[in-house]
Amino acid sequence: MTQQDEYQYNNEEEAEMAQLHSIHINMNAVADVQRKMAGTGTSECVDCEEPISPERKAVAPWCIRCVDCQYYFEKRAPKID
């Protein structure tokens, strides 16, 4: 295997990982929409596993993240125009 072949393999591997990451993000988004439509959420944050405050659950019963984790989730989510 030449260095060029190895470089190409790394790019293909990285592209595949990026595609899998994108699929994972989309699946989470679909699950979020399904929960919102059903009006259900979780009692613990899916990211930090801490309990979600009763105040947040009262305002957004479909939520799956605590306020802090939701902030960071939205901050790193890609913008859709």
PDB file of N, CA and C in Angstrom:
ATOM      1  N   MET A   1       0.846  -1.165   0.000  1.00  0.00           N
ATOM      2  CA  MET A   1       0.000   0.000   0.000  1.00  0.00           C
ATOM      3  C   MET A   1       0.896   1.235   0.000  1.00  0.00           C
ATOM      4  N   THR A   2       0.675   2.098  -0.950  1.00  0.00           N
ATOM      5  CA  THR A   2       1.467   3.320  -1.025  1.00  0.00           C
ATOM      6  C   THR A   2       0.891   4.361  -0.077  1.00  0.00           C
ATOM      7  N   GLN A   3       1.670   5.406   0.124  1.00  0.00           N
ATOM      8  CA  GLN A   3       1.201   6.480   1.005  1.00  0.00           C
ATOM      9  C   GLN A   3      -0.042   7.131   0.415  1.00  0.00           C
ATOM     10  N   GLN A   4      -0.111   7.230  -0.905  1.00  0.00           N
ATOM     11  CA  GLN A   4      -1.288   7.819  -1.549  1.00  0.00           C
ATOM     12  C   GLN A   4      -2.515   6.944  -1.300  1.00  0.00           C
ATOM     13  N   ASP A   5      -2.363   5.612  -1.385  1.00  0.00           N
ATOM     14  CA  ASP A   5      -3.469   4.699  -1.108  1.00  0.00           C
ATOM     15  C   ASP A   5      -3.930   4.847   0.339  1.00  0.00           C
ATOM     16  N   GLU A   6      -2.981   4.954   1.258  1.00  0.00           N
ATOM     17  CA  GLU A   6      -3.311   5.105   2.668  1.00  0.00           C
ATOM     18  C   GLU A   6      -4.062   6.415   2.892  1.00  0.00           C
ATOM     19  N   TYR A   7      -3.615   7.482   2.221  1.00  0.00           N
ATOM     20  CA  TYR A   7      -4.270   8.783   2.346  1.00  0.00           C
ATOM     21  C   TYR A   7      -5.700   8.707   1.833  1.00  0.00           C
ATOM     22  N   GLN A   8      -5.886   8.043   0.700  1.00  0.00           N
ATOM     23  CA  GLN A   8      -7.224   7.898   0.134  1.00  0.00           C
ATOM     24  C   GLN A   8      -8.107   7.087   1.082  1.00  0.00           C
ATOM     25  N   TYR A   9      -7.577   6.040   1.669  1.00  0.00           N
ATOM     26  CA  TYR A   9      -8.336   5.214   2.599  1.00  0.00           C
ATOM     27  C   TYR A   9      -8.767   6.035   3.806  1.00  0.00           C
ATOM     28  N   ASN A  10      -7.857   6.862   4.329  1.00  0.00           N
ATOM     29  CA  ASN A  10      -8.209   7.704   5.470  1.00  0.00           C
ATOM     30  C   ASN A  10      -9.320   8.674   5.107  1.00  0.00           C
ATOM     31  N   ASN A  11      -9.278   9.249   3.929  1.00  0.00           N
ATOM     32  CA  ASN A  11     -10.334  10.159   3.510  1.00  0.00           C
ATOM     33  C   ASN A  11     -11.665   9.429   3.380  1.00  0.00           C
ATOM     34  N   GLU A  12     -11.652   8.233   2.828  1.00  0.00           N
ATOM     35  CA  GLU A  12     -12.881   7.446   2.700  1.00  0.00           C
ATOM     36  C   GLU A  12     -13.423   7.082   4.072  1.00  0.00           C
ATOM     37  N   GLU A  13     -12.534   6.709   4.970  1.00  0.00           N
ATOM     38  CA  GLU A  13     -12.936   6.353   6.329  1.00  0.00           C
ATOM     39  C   GLU A  13     -13.522   7.573   7.043  1.00  0.00           C
ATOM     40  N   GLU A  14     -12.882   8.716   6.879  1.00  0.00           N
ATOM     41  CA  GLU A  14     -13.385   9.939   7.496  1.00  0.00           C
ATOM     42  C   GLU A  14     -14.730  10.331   6.902  1.00  0.00           C
ATOM     43  N   ALA A  15     -14.878  10.172   5.604  1.00  0.00           N
ATOM     44  CA  ALA A  15     -16.149  10.501   4.954  1.00  0.00           C
ATOM     45  C   ALA A  15     -17.254   9.579   5.471  1.00  0.00           C
ATOM     46  N   GLU A  16     -16.938   8.304   5.646  1.00  0.00           N
ATOM     47  CA  GLU A  16     -17.916   7.353   6.167  1.00  0.00           C
ATOM     48  C   GLU A  16     -18.304   7.704   7.601  1.00  0.00           C
ATOM     49  N   MET A  17     -17.318   8.068   8.415  1.00  0.00           N
ATOM     50  CA  MET A  17     -17.603   8.452   9.800  1.00  0.00           C
ATOM     51  C   MET A  17     -18.462   9.722   9.843  1.00  0.00           C
ATOM     52  N   ALA A  18     -18.184  10.668   8.971  1.00  0.00           N
ATOM     53  CA  ALA A  18     -18.980  11.893   8.917  1.00  0.00           C
ATOM     54  C   ALA A  18     -20.409  11.578   8.505  1.00  0.00           C
ATOM     55  N   GLN A  19     -20.562  10.667   7.570  1.00  0.00           N
ATOM     56  CA  GLN A  19     -21.906  10.270   7.136  1.00  0.00           C
ATOM     57  C   GLN A  19     -22.648   9.573   8.272  1.00  0.00           C
ATOM     58  N   LEU A  20     -21.986   8.690   8.993  1.00  0.00           N
ATOM     59  CA  LEU A  20     -22.624   8.020  10.126  1.00  0.00           C
ATOM     60  C   LEU A  20     -23.002   9.018  11.212  1.00  0.00           C
ATOM     61  N   HIS A  21     -22.145   9.993  11.450  1.00  0.00           N
ATOM     62  CA  HIS A  21     -22.444  11.030  12.432  1.00  0.00           C
ATOM     63  C   HIS A  21     -23.677  11.825  12.003  1.00  0.00           C
ATOM     64  N   SER A  22     -23.754  12.160  10.738  1.00  0.00           N
ATOM     65  CA  SER A  22     -24.898  12.897  10.207  1.00  0.00           C
ATOM     66  C   SER A  22     -26.183  12.083  10.352  1.00  0.00           C
ATOM     67  N   ILE A  23     -26.107  10.786  10.072  1.00  0.00           N
ATOM     68  CA  ILE A  23     -27.273   9.905  10.227  1.00  0.00           C
ATOM     69  C   ILE A  23     -27.705   9.869  11.685  1.00  0.00           C
ATOM     70  N   HIS A  24     -26.752   9.784  12.592  1.00  0.00           N
ATOM     71  CA  HIS A  24     -27.047   9.763  14.020  1.00  0.00           C
ATOM     72  C   HIS A  24     -27.769  11.047  14.442  1.00  0.00           C
ATOM     73  N   ILE A  25     -27.279  12.190  13.988  1.00  0.00           N
ATOM     74  CA  ILE A  25     -27.907  13.474  14.316  1.00  0.00           C
ATOM     75  C   ILE A  25     -29.332  13.518  13.765  1.00  0.00           C
ATOM     76  N   ASN A  26     -29.519  13.061  12.536  1.00  0.00           N
ATOM     77  CA  ASN A  26     -30.855  13.068  11.937  1.00  0.00           C
ATOM     78  C   ASN A  26     -31.801  12.124  12.667  1.00  0.00           C
ATOM     79  N   MET A  27     -31.313  10.972  13.090  1.00  0.00           N
ATOM     80  CA  MET A  27     -32.158  10.031  13.829  1.00  0.00           C
ATOM     81  C   MET A  27     -32.583  10.629  15.167  1.00  0.00           C
ATOM     82  N   ASN A  28     -31.672  11.332  15.830  1.00  0.00           N
ATOM     83  CA  ASN A  28     -32.020  12.001  17.081  1.00  0.00           C
ATOM     84  C   ASN A  28     -33.052  13.093  16.844  1.00  0.00           C
ATOM     85  N   ALA A  29     -32.923  13.823  15.758  1.00  0.00           N
ATOM     86  CA  ALA A  29     -33.885  14.875  15.439  1.00  0.00           C
ATOM     87  C   ALA A  29     -35.265  14.279  15.178  1.00  0.00           C
ATOM     88  N   VAL A  30     -35.315  13.171  14.459  1.00  0.00           N
ATOM     89  CA  VAL A  30     -36.589  12.499  14.201  1.00  0.00           C
ATOM     90  C   VAL A  30     -37.208  12.020  15.509  1.00  0.00           C
ATOM     91  N   ALA A  31     -36.396  11.438  16.380  1.00  0.00           N
ATOM     92  CA  ALA A  31     -36.898  10.968  17.672  1.00  0.00           C
ATOM     93  C   ALA A  31     -37.424  12.127  18.502  1.00  0.00           C
ATOM     94  N   ASP A  32     -36.739  13.280  18.455  1.00  0.00           N
ATOM     95  CA  ASP A  32     -37.204  14.465  19.178  1.00  0.00           C
ATOM     96  C   ASP A  32     -38.578  14.905  18.671  1.00  0.00           C
ATOM     97  N   VAL A  33     -38.751  14.939  17.356  1.00  0.00           N
ATOM     98  CA  VAL A  33     -40.033  15.335  16.772  1.00  0.00           C
ATOM     99  C   VAL A  33     -41.124  14.343  17.158  1.00  0.00           C
ATOM    100  N   GLN A  34     -40.815  13.058  17.116  1.00  0.00           N
ATOM    101  CA  GLN A  34     -41.802  12.043  17.498  1.00  0.00           C
ATOM    102  C   GLN A  34     -42.226  12.217  18.952  1.00  0.00           C
ATOM    103  N   ARG A  35     -41.279  12.495  19.832  1.00  0.00           N
ATOM    104  CA  ARG A  35     -41.617  12.713  21.243  1.00  0.00           C
ATOM    105  C   ARG A  35     -42.478  13.946  21.412  1.00  0.00           C
ATOM    106  N   LYS A  36     -42.131  15.020  20.685  1.00  0.00           N
ATOM    107  CA  LYS A  36     -42.917  16.246  20.772  1.00  0.00           C
ATOM    108  C   LYS A  36     -44.345  16.000  20.298  1.00  0.00           C
ATOM    109  N   MET A  37     -44.489  15.248  19.219  1.00  0.00           N
ATOM    110  CA  MET A  37     -45.825  14.966  18.698  1.00  0.00           C
ATOM    111  C   MET A  37     -46.621  14.110  19.676  1.00  0.00           C
ATOM    112  N   ALA A  38     -45.948  13.244  20.375  1.00  0.00           N
ATOM    113  CA  ALA A  38     -46.613  12.382  21.346  1.00  0.00           C
ATOM    114  C   ALA A  38     -46.831  13.106  22.677  1.00  0.00           C
ATOM    115  N   GLY A  39     -46.140  14.227  22.872  1.00  0.00           N
ATOM    116  CA  GLY A  39     -46.267  14.985  24.111  1.00  0.00           C
ATOM    117  C   GLY A  39     -45.535  14.361  25.275  1.00  0.00           C
ATOM    118  N   THR A  40     -44.602  13.460  24.992  1.00  0.00           N
ATOM    119  CA  THR A  40     -43.858  12.820  26.066  1.00  0.00           C
ATOM    120  C   THR A  40     -42.388  13.174  25.971  1.00  0.00           C
ATOM    121  N   GLY A  41     -41.722  13.089  27.064  1.00  0.00           N
ATOM    122  CA  GLY A  41     -40.284  13.347  27.102  1.00  0.00           C
ATOM    123  C   GLY A  41     -39.652  12.352  28.053  1.00  0.00           C
ATOM    124  N   THR A  42     -38.620  12.774  28.708  1.00  0.00           N
ATOM    125  CA  THR A  42     -37.963  11.925  29.685  1.00  0.00           C
ATOM    126  C   THR A  42     -37.847  12.673  31.003  1.00  0.00           C
ATOM    127  N   SER A  43     -37.706  11.960  32.086  1.00  0.00           N
ATOM    128  CA  SER A  43     -37.554  12.613  33.387  1.00  0.00           C
ATOM    129  C   SER A  43     -36.090  12.930  33.675  1.00  0.00           C
ATOM    130  N   GLU A  44     -35.192  12.266  32.954  1.00  0.00           N
ATOM    131  CA  GLU A  44     -33.762  12.525  33.091  1.00  0.00           C
ATOM    132  C   GLU A  44     -33.200  12.986  31.754  1.00  0.00           C
ATOM    133  N   CYS A  45     -32.226  13.875  31.818  1.00  0.00           N
ATOM    134  CA  CYS A  45     -31.574  14.401  30.619  1.00  0.00           C
ATOM    135  C   CYS A  45     -30.853  13.273  29.884  1.00  0.00           C
ATOM    136  N   VAL A  46     -31.045  13.207  28.570  1.00  0.00           N
ATOM    137  CA  VAL A  46     -30.401  12.159  27.778  1.00  0.00           C
ATOM    138  C   VAL A  46     -28.898  12.377  27.633  1.00  0.00           C
ATOM    139  N   ASP A  47     -28.420  13.594  27.911  1.00  0.00           N
ATOM    140  CA  ASP A  47     -26.993  13.881  27.790  1.00  0.00           C
ATOM    141  C   ASP A  47     -26.250  13.719  29.111  1.00  0.00           C
ATOM    142  N   CYS A  48     -26.718  14.409  30.170  1.00  0.00           N
ATOM    143  CA  CYS A  48     -25.985  14.377  31.445  1.00  0.00           C
ATOM    144  C   CYS A  48     -26.605  13.431  32.467  1.00  0.00           C
ATOM    145  N   GLU A  49     -27.779  12.910  32.165  1.00  0.00           N
ATOM    146  CA  GLU A  49     -28.498  11.941  33.002  1.00  0.00           C
ATOM    147  C   GLU A  49     -28.948  12.506  34.348  1.00  0.00           C
ATOM    148  N   GLU A  50     -28.951  13.835  34.474  1.00  0.00           N
ATOM    149  CA  GLU A  50     -29.473  14.485  35.678  1.00  0.00           C
ATOM    150  C   GLU A  50     -30.983  14.648  35.521  1.00  0.00           C
ATOM    151  N   PRO A  51     -31.718  14.724  36.630  1.00  0.00           N
ATOM    152  CA  PRO A  51     -33.171  14.942  36.525  1.00  0.00           C
ATOM    153  C   PRO A  51     -33.477  16.276  35.844  1.00  0.00           C
ATOM    154  N   ILE A  52     -34.520  16.286  35.018  1.00  0.00           N
ATOM    155  CA  ILE A  52     -34.985  17.518  34.383  1.00  0.00           C
ATOM    156  C   ILE A  52     -35.902  18.220  35.377  1.00  0.00           C
ATOM    157  N   SER A  53     -35.700  19.520  35.547  1.00  0.00           N
ATOM    158  CA  SER A  53     -36.442  20.266  36.566  1.00  0.00           C
ATOM    159  C   SER A  53     -37.947  20.250  36.286  1.00  0.00           C
ATOM    160  N   PRO A  54     -38.754  20.233  37.339  1.00  0.00           N
ATOM    161  CA  PRO A  54     -40.209  20.269  37.163  1.00  0.00           C
ATOM    162  C   PRO A  54     -40.671  21.523  36.415  1.00  0.00           C
ATOM    163  N   GLU A  55     -39.972  22.643  36.615  1.00  0.00           N
ATOM    164  CA  GLU A  55     -40.341  23.872  35.905  1.00  0.00           C
ATOM    165  C   GLU A  55     -40.174  23.697  34.392  1.00  0.00           C
ATOM    166  N   ARG A  56     -39.066  23.080  33.984  1.00  0.00           N
ATOM    167  CA  ARG A  56     -38.843  22.843  32.548  1.00  0.00           C
ATOM    168  C   ARG A  56     -39.870  21.862  32.008  1.00  0.00           C
ATOM    169  N   LYS A  57     -40.166  20.803  32.736  1.00  0.00           N
ATOM    170  CA  LYS A  57     -41.149  19.814  32.290  1.00  0.00           C
ATOM    171  C   LYS A  57     -42.540  20.444  32.165  1.00  0.00           C
ATOM    172  N   ALA A  58     -42.861  21.412  33.050  1.00  0.00           N
ATOM    173  CA  ALA A  58     -44.159  22.077  32.986  1.00  0.00           C
ATOM    174  C   ALA A  58     -44.290  22.920  31.718  1.00  0.00           C
ATOM    175  N   VAL A  59     -43.190  23.541  31.309  1.00  0.00           N
ATOM    176  CA  VAL A  59     -43.199  24.399  30.120  1.00  0.00           C
ATOM    177  C   VAL A  59     -43.076  23.570  28.842  1.00  0.00           C
ATOM    178  N   ALA A  60     -42.245  22.537  28.876  1.00  0.00           N
ATOM    179  CA  ALA A  60     -41.983  21.715  27.685  1.00  0.00           C
ATOM    180  C   ALA A  60     -42.029  20.237  28.082  1.00  0.00           C
ATOM    181  N   PRO A  61     -43.222  19.656  28.200  1.00  0.00           N
ATOM    182  CA  PRO A  61     -43.324  18.268  28.664  1.00  0.00           C
ATOM    183  C   PRO A  61     -42.639  17.250  27.745  1.00  0.00           C
ATOM    184  N   TRP A  62     -42.359  17.646  26.518  1.00  0.00           N
ATOM    185  CA  TRP A  62     -41.703  16.751  25.557  1.00  0.00           C
ATOM    186  C   TRP A  62     -40.188  16.779  25.673  1.00  0.00           C
ATOM    187  N   CYS A  63     -39.639  17.657  26.514  1.00  0.00           N
ATOM    188  CA  CYS A  63     -38.181  17.842  26.552  1.00  0.00           C
ATOM    189  C   CYS A  63     -37.461  16.558  26.980  1.00  0.00           C
ATOM    190  N   ILE A  64     -36.248  16.434  26.467  1.00  0.00           N
ATOM    191  CA  ILE A  64     -35.415  15.272  26.787  1.00  0.00           C
ATOM    192  C   ILE A  64     -34.065  15.698  27.343  1.00  0.00           C
ATOM    193  N   ARG A  65     -33.842  17.030  27.403  1.00  0.00           N
ATOM    194  CA  ARG A  65     -32.585  17.560  27.919  1.00  0.00           C
ATOM    195  C   ARG A  65     -32.860  18.617  28.975  1.00  0.00           C
ATOM    196  N   CYS A  66     -31.947  18.733  29.933  1.00  0.00           N
ATOM    197  CA  CYS A  66     -32.033  19.821  30.907  1.00  0.00           C
ATOM    198  C   CYS A  66     -31.717  21.128  30.169  1.00  0.00           C
ATOM    199  N   VAL A  67     -31.956  22.240  30.828  1.00  0.00           N
ATOM    200  CA  VAL A  67     -31.754  23.545  30.194  1.00  0.00           C
ATOM    201  C   VAL A  67     -30.319  23.714  29.696  1.00  0.00           C
ATOM    202  N   ASP A  68     -29.349  23.379  30.535  1.00  0.00           N
ATOM    203  CA  ASP A  68     -27.944  23.554  30.142  1.00  0.00           C
ATOM    204  C   ASP A  68     -27.578  22.698  28.933  1.00  0.00           C
ATOM    205  N   CYS A  69     -27.949  21.423  28.959  1.00  0.00           N
ATOM    206  CA  CYS A  69     -27.609  20.533  27.839  1.00  0.00           C
ATOM    207  C   CYS A  69     -28.341  20.944  26.569  1.00  0.00           C
ATOM    208  N   GLN A  70     -29.589  21.424  26.695  1.00  0.00           N
ATOM    209  CA  GLN A  70     -30.328  21.882  25.524  1.00  0.00           C
ATOM    210  C   GLN A  70     -29.640  23.079  24.899  1.00  0.00           C
ATOM    211  N   TYR A  71     -29.134  23.982  25.737  1.00  0.00           N
ATOM    212  CA  TYR A  71     -28.403  25.156  25.238  1.00  0.00           C
ATOM    213  C   TYR A  71     -27.196  24.707  24.412  1.00  0.00           C
ATOM    214  N   TYR A  72     -26.391  23.806  24.950  1.00  0.00           N
ATOM    215  CA  TYR A  72     -25.203  23.342  24.230  1.00  0.00           C
ATOM    216  C   TYR A  72     -25.572  22.529  22.993  1.00  0.00           C
ATOM    217  N   PHE A  73     -26.661  21.780  23.071  1.00  0.00           N
ATOM    218  CA  PHE A  73     -27.130  21.010  21.909  1.00  0.00           C
ATOM    219  C   PHE A  73     -27.494  21.957  20.769  1.00  0.00           C
ATOM    220  N   GLU A  74     -28.239  23.001  21.079  1.00  0.00           N
ATOM    221  CA  GLU A  74     -28.660  23.956  20.043  1.00  0.00           C
ATOM    222  C   GLU A  74     -27.479  24.773  19.531  1.00  0.00           C
ATOM    223  N   LYS A  75     -26.533  25.057  20.388  1.00  0.00           N
ATOM    224  CA  LYS A  75     -25.364  25.847  19.989  1.00  0.00           C
ATOM    225  C   LYS A  75     -24.509  25.102  18.973  1.00  0.00           C
ATOM    226  N   ARG A  76     -24.405  23.775  19.099  1.00  0.00           N
ATOM    227  CA  ARG A  76     -23.549  23.021  18.175  1.00  0.00           C
ATOM    228  C   ARG A  76     -24.317  22.384  17.024  1.00  0.00           C
ATOM    229  N   ALA A  77     -25.649  22.515  17.022  1.00  0.00           N
ATOM    230  CA  ALA A  77     -26.453  21.946  15.933  1.00  0.00           C
ATOM    231  C   ALA A  77     -26.264  22.778  14.669  1.00  0.00           C
ATOM    232  N   PRO A  78     -26.235  22.125  13.506  1.00  0.00           N
ATOM    233  CA  PRO A  78     -26.079  22.878  12.260  1.00  0.00           C
ATOM    234  C   PRO A  78     -27.317  23.736  11.986  1.00  0.00           C
ATOM    235  N   LYS A  79     -27.112  24.910  11.462  1.00  0.00           N
ATOM    236  CA  LYS A  79     -28.205  25.818  11.126  1.00  0.00           C
ATOM    237  C   LYS A  79     -28.837  25.360   9.825  1.00  0.00           C
ATOM    238  N   ILE A  80     -30.148  25.364   9.777  1.00  0.00           N
ATOM    239  CA  ILE A  80     -30.886  25.006   8.558  1.00  0.00           C
ATOM    240  C   ILE A  80     -31.586  26.248   8.066  1.00  0.00           C
ATOM    241  N   ASP A  81     -31.274  26.644   6.835  1.00  0.00           N
ATOM    242  CA  ASP A  81     -31.902  27.855   6.262  1.00  0.00           C
ATOM    243  C   ASP A  81     -33.057  27.493   5.371  1.00  0.00           C
TER     244      ASP A  81
END
